[in-house]
Amino acid sequence: MGKTLKIILIVGIFFVIGLFIGRIALTYYYPAEMKRVLPNEKLAAAWSAAGEEARAFTQEPVAPYDDRKKGHFFFSELLCVPCAEQVQVTVRYNQSTLEDLRLTRSLPIAPEGDSPELRFYLREGKVDGEGKAVTGRILPVSDFLYAEKFMYHYRRLVFDGVSPDFDSYLYLDAYYGDADPAETEPYGSMLIYVPEKETEDVSLTPAGLAPAAR
C-alpha cells in the first residue's frame, strides 16, 4: 500500500509539473500563420516601388501586454514597413478576457473570439515640449486574420496610413461595441512601438507580399 501511494504521489507531481510547463509554453505560443506577413496589395505595390530603399523592421516590446495584473491582451510579431506606411501586429486574448467583457459590459453572453464588436485601433502619440502626452491619429484595422488555439484567440492585424517616419509612439487599443476611440478610454491599451528604442531589420520576400489570386 505504501509503495502504491508513493507511485501515485510521484505521478501526481509529474502531472502538475507537466501542466505548469504546458501552461508556460502556451503563454508564448502563437500559431504559424499569426507569425507571418499578412499579404496585401498595398504592401506588395509599395515594396516593389521602393526598390532597394524598401525596409521593414521590428522591435522588442517594452511590455507585451496591456496590464500586468489583468493581462487582457498580449501582442507579438510587430512588423513596421515605412514605404507602405503600414504596421502589422498579432494580438492574443483568452476566454477570461471575453468573460470579463460580458461582466463589465453587462452582456447576456460572452462575445465570440472573432466578434466584430471587439475592435482594435492603432493610435499615434507624441510628447510635447512640456512632457505631456499628445494623441495623434487613430487608425482602424484595414485587414486581419483570425485563429484560435485551445483557450486563446489570435488576430493578425494590418494598419495602413501610419506615418512613414515612425517618429511617434504607437499604441494598440481595444474597444468593444460602438465606443468612439476619439472620445472613449480603451478597454485595453498596449504600447507596441517606441521611436527612441532600437529596431531590428526584417527580411521580406517580395513574392510573398501580394495576396494569392482568387
Protein backbone atom coordinates (compact mmCIF):
# COMPACT_ATOMS: atom_id res chain seq x y z
CA MET A 1 0.00 0.00 0.00
CA GLY A 2 2.83 2.36 0.88
CA LYS A 3 4.59 1.67 -2.43
CA THR A 4 1.36 2.28 -4.38
CA LEU A 5 0.79 5.58 -2.59
CA LYS A 6 4.36 6.62 -3.36
CA ILE A 7 3.87 5.90 -7.06
CA ILE A 8 0.61 7.86 -7.09
CA LEU A 9 2.32 10.83 -5.44
CA ILE A 10 5.21 10.75 -7.92
CA VAL A 11 2.82 10.54 -10.89
CA GLY A 12 0.78 13.38 -9.42
CA ILE A 13 3.85 15.58 -9.00
CA PHE A 14 4.98 14.96 -12.57
CA PHE A 15 1.46 15.65 -13.80
CA VAL A 16 1.35 19.02 -12.01
CA ILE A 17 4.82 19.89 -13.31
CA GLY A 18 3.72 18.93 -16.83
CA LEU A 19 0.66 21.16 -16.57
CA PHE A 20 2.83 24.03 -15.35
CA ILE A 21 5.32 23.63 -18.20
CA GLY A 22 2.50 23.30 -20.71
CA ARG A 23 0.87 26.50 -19.46
CA ILE A 24 4.16 28.38 -19.80
CA ALA A 25 4.62 27.02 -23.33
CA LEU A 26 1.10 28.14 -24.30
CA THR A 27 1.79 31.59 -22.88
CA TYR A 28 4.42 32.16 -25.56
CA TYR A 29 2.73 30.17 -28.31
CA TYR A 30 1.50 31.86 -31.48
CA PRO A 31 0.20 29.85 -34.48
CA ALA A 32 2.45 29.89 -37.54
CA GLU A 33 0.00 31.96 -39.59
CA MET A 34 -0.01 34.60 -36.86
CA LYS A 35 3.77 35.00 -37.19
CA ARG A 36 3.84 35.51 -40.95
CA VAL A 37 3.34 38.65 -43.00
CA LEU A 38 -0.30 39.07 -43.97
CA PRO A 39 -0.08 39.64 -47.76
CA ASN A 40 -1.94 42.62 -49.23
CA GLU A 41 -1.86 44.66 -52.44
CA LYS A 42 -0.77 47.91 -50.79
CA LEU A 43 2.25 46.30 -49.18
CA ALA A 44 3.28 44.49 -52.38
CA ALA A 45 2.97 47.61 -54.55
CA ALA A 46 4.83 49.88 -52.11
CA TRP A 47 7.65 47.37 -51.62
CA SER A 48 8.08 46.96 -55.36
CA ALA A 49 8.07 50.73 -55.98
CA ALA A 50 10.62 51.39 -53.22
CA GLY A 51 13.16 49.02 -54.77
CA GLU A 52 16.45 48.96 -52.87
CA GLU A 53 15.14 51.57 -50.43
CA ALA A 54 12.50 49.17 -49.13
CA ARG A 55 12.94 48.34 -45.46
CA ALA A 56 10.95 46.52 -42.81
CA PHE A 57 11.76 46.25 -39.13
CA THR A 58 10.52 45.04 -35.79
CA GLN A 59 11.19 45.97 -32.17
CA GLU A 60 11.29 44.12 -28.87
CA PRO A 61 8.35 45.23 -26.71
CA VAL A 62 8.73 47.25 -23.54
CA ALA A 63 5.94 45.08 -22.15
CA PRO A 64 3.98 42.62 -24.33
CA TYR A 65 0.68 43.08 -22.51
CA ASP A 66 -1.85 45.74 -21.65
CA ASP A 67 -1.84 45.32 -17.87
CA ARG A 68 0.44 43.23 -15.68
CA LYS A 69 -2.38 42.28 -13.28
CA LYS A 70 -5.31 41.83 -15.66
CA GLY A 71 -3.43 40.77 -18.76
CA HIS A 72 -6.44 41.02 -21.07
CA PHE A 73 -4.33 41.34 -24.22
CA PHE A 74 -0.85 40.37 -25.36
CA PHE A 75 0.89 41.25 -28.60
CA SER A 76 3.76 39.87 -30.67
CA GLU A 77 5.23 39.77 -34.17
CA LEU A 78 5.33 43.54 -34.78
CA LEU A 79 6.22 44.47 -38.36
CA CYS A 80 6.76 48.08 -39.48
CA VAL A 81 7.06 48.89 -43.20
CA PRO A 82 7.76 52.61 -43.79
CA CYS A 83 7.50 52.54 -47.59
CA ALA A 84 3.99 51.08 -47.33
CA GLU A 85 3.04 53.24 -44.34
CA GLN A 86 1.90 50.01 -42.77
CA VAL A 87 2.08 48.19 -39.45
CA GLN A 88 1.24 44.55 -38.82
CA VAL A 89 0.95 43.04 -35.36
CA THR A 90 -0.61 39.99 -33.73
CA VAL A 91 -2.82 40.34 -30.66
CA ARG A 92 -3.78 37.47 -28.37
CA TYR A 93 -6.53 37.19 -25.76
CA ASN A 94 -8.25 34.32 -23.98
CA GLN A 95 -11.68 33.25 -22.78
CA SER A 96 -11.30 35.08 -19.48
CA THR A 97 -10.98 38.36 -21.42
CA LEU A 98 -14.23 37.64 -23.24
CA GLU A 99 -15.90 36.73 -19.96
CA ASP A 100 -14.68 39.98 -18.42
CA LEU A 101 -16.22 41.86 -21.35
CA ARG A 102 -19.51 40.13 -20.60
CA LEU A 103 -19.38 41.25 -16.99
CA THR A 104 -18.13 44.80 -17.50
CA ARG A 105 -20.42 45.49 -20.47
CA SER A 106 -23.46 43.71 -18.96
CA LEU A 107 -23.77 41.40 -21.95
CA PRO A 108 -26.13 38.39 -21.87
CA ILE A 109 -23.33 36.08 -23.03
CA ALA A 110 -19.61 36.39 -23.62
CA PRO A 111 -18.74 37.52 -27.16
CA GLU A 112 -17.18 35.12 -29.62
CA GLY A 113 -13.43 35.36 -30.15
CA ASP A 114 -13.84 36.74 -33.66
CA SER A 115 -16.70 39.09 -32.77
CA PRO A 116 -16.67 42.26 -34.92
CA GLU A 117 -17.77 44.12 -31.80
CA LEU A 118 -14.27 43.70 -30.40
CA ARG A 119 -12.38 46.32 -32.36
CA PHE A 120 -8.73 47.34 -32.45
CA TYR A 121 -7.17 50.68 -33.39
CA LEU A 122 -3.63 51.90 -33.85
CA ARG A 123 -3.03 55.21 -32.06
CA GLU A 124 -0.09 57.52 -32.75
CA GLY A 125 1.18 59.58 -29.85
CA LYS A 126 3.94 62.07 -29.07
CA VAL A 127 5.25 64.03 -26.11
CA ASP A 128 5.10 67.82 -26.29
CA GLY A 129 7.69 70.30 -25.04
CA GLU A 130 6.21 70.17 -21.55
CA GLY A 131 6.42 66.39 -21.36
CA LYS A 132 2.69 65.86 -21.83
CA ALA A 133 1.32 63.05 -23.98
CA VAL A 134 -0.39 64.23 -27.16
CA THR A 135 -2.65 61.88 -29.10
CA GLY A 136 -2.21 61.87 -32.86
CA ARG A 137 -4.11 59.95 -35.48
CA ILE A 138 -6.21 56.90 -34.64
CA LEU A 139 -6.23 54.30 -37.41
CA PRO A 140 -8.73 51.44 -37.87
CA VAL A 141 -7.80 47.92 -38.94
CA SER A 142 -7.56 47.63 -42.72
CA ASP A 143 -7.26 43.84 -42.81
CA PHE A 144 -6.94 40.95 -40.35
CA LEU A 145 -6.66 37.19 -39.99
CA TYR A 146 -8.23 35.26 -37.10
CA ALA A 147 -7.23 31.99 -35.45
CA GLU A 148 -7.87 30.19 -32.19
CA LYS A 149 -5.98 27.52 -30.29
CA PHE A 150 -7.05 25.96 -27.01
CA MET A 151 -8.34 28.81 -24.82
CA TYR A 152 -6.57 31.53 -26.82
CA HIS A 153 -7.78 33.74 -29.66
CA TYR A 154 -5.44 35.48 -32.11
CA ARG A 155 -5.78 38.25 -34.68
CA ARG A 156 -3.11 39.28 -37.15
CA LEU A 157 -3.89 42.98 -37.69
CA VAL A 158 -2.92 45.29 -40.55
CA PHE A 159 -2.98 49.08 -40.22
CA ASP A 160 -2.48 51.40 -43.20
CA GLY A 161 -1.72 55.12 -43.25
CA VAL A 162 0.90 55.08 -40.49
CA SER A 163 3.36 57.99 -40.51
CA PRO A 164 6.27 56.79 -42.71
CA ASP A 165 8.82 58.44 -40.40
CA PHE A 166 7.75 56.22 -37.50
CA ASP A 167 8.59 59.07 -35.14
CA SER A 168 5.53 58.56 -32.93
CA TYR A 169 4.78 56.16 -30.11
CA LEU A 170 2.36 53.51 -31.35
CA TYR A 171 -0.38 52.08 -29.17
CA LEU A 172 -2.71 49.19 -29.90
CA ASP A 173 -6.07 49.99 -28.31
CA ALA A 174 -9.02 47.63 -27.86
CA TYR A 175 -12.67 48.74 -27.77
CA TYR A 176 -15.95 46.91 -27.58
CA GLY A 177 -19.23 47.92 -29.21
CA ASP A 178 -19.83 51.36 -30.67
CA ALA A 179 -17.42 53.24 -28.40
CA ASP A 180 -15.78 56.18 -30.18
CA PRO A 181 -11.97 55.80 -29.88
CA ALA A 182 -11.55 59.57 -30.14
CA GLU A 183 -13.78 60.16 -27.11
CA THR A 184 -13.59 56.99 -25.01
CA GLU A 185 -10.90 55.32 -22.92
CA PRO A 186 -9.94 51.95 -24.43
CA TYR A 187 -10.84 48.68 -22.75
CA GLY A 188 -7.19 47.69 -23.15
CA SER A 189 -4.12 49.50 -24.47
CA MET A 190 -0.60 48.34 -25.32
CA LEU A 191 2.49 50.35 -26.21
CA ILE A 192 3.81 48.44 -29.22
CA TYR A 193 6.45 50.81 -30.63
CA VAL A 194 8.83 53.37 -29.13
CA PRO A 195 10.64 55.67 -31.63
CA GLU A 196 13.74 56.08 -29.46
CA LYS A 197 14.18 52.35 -29.00
CA GLU A 198 16.44 50.17 -31.13
CA THR A 199 14.86 48.28 -34.02
CA GLU A 200 15.82 45.14 -35.92
CA ASP A 201 15.55 44.80 -39.70
CA VAL A 202 13.28 42.08 -41.08
CA SER A 203 13.88 40.40 -44.44
CA LEU A 204 10.78 40.19 -46.62
CA THR A 205 10.34 38.12 -49.78
CA PRO A 206 8.59 40.20 -52.47
CA ALA A 207 6.84 37.14 -53.89
CA GLY A 208 5.05 36.59 -50.58
CA LEU A 209 3.74 40.12 -50.08
CA ALA A 210 0.83 40.07 -52.52
CA PRO A 211 -2.35 38.10 -51.74
CA ALA A 212 -2.92 34.93 -53.73
CA ALA A 213 -5.11 35.27 -56.83
CA ARG A 214 -8.67 34.05 -56.36
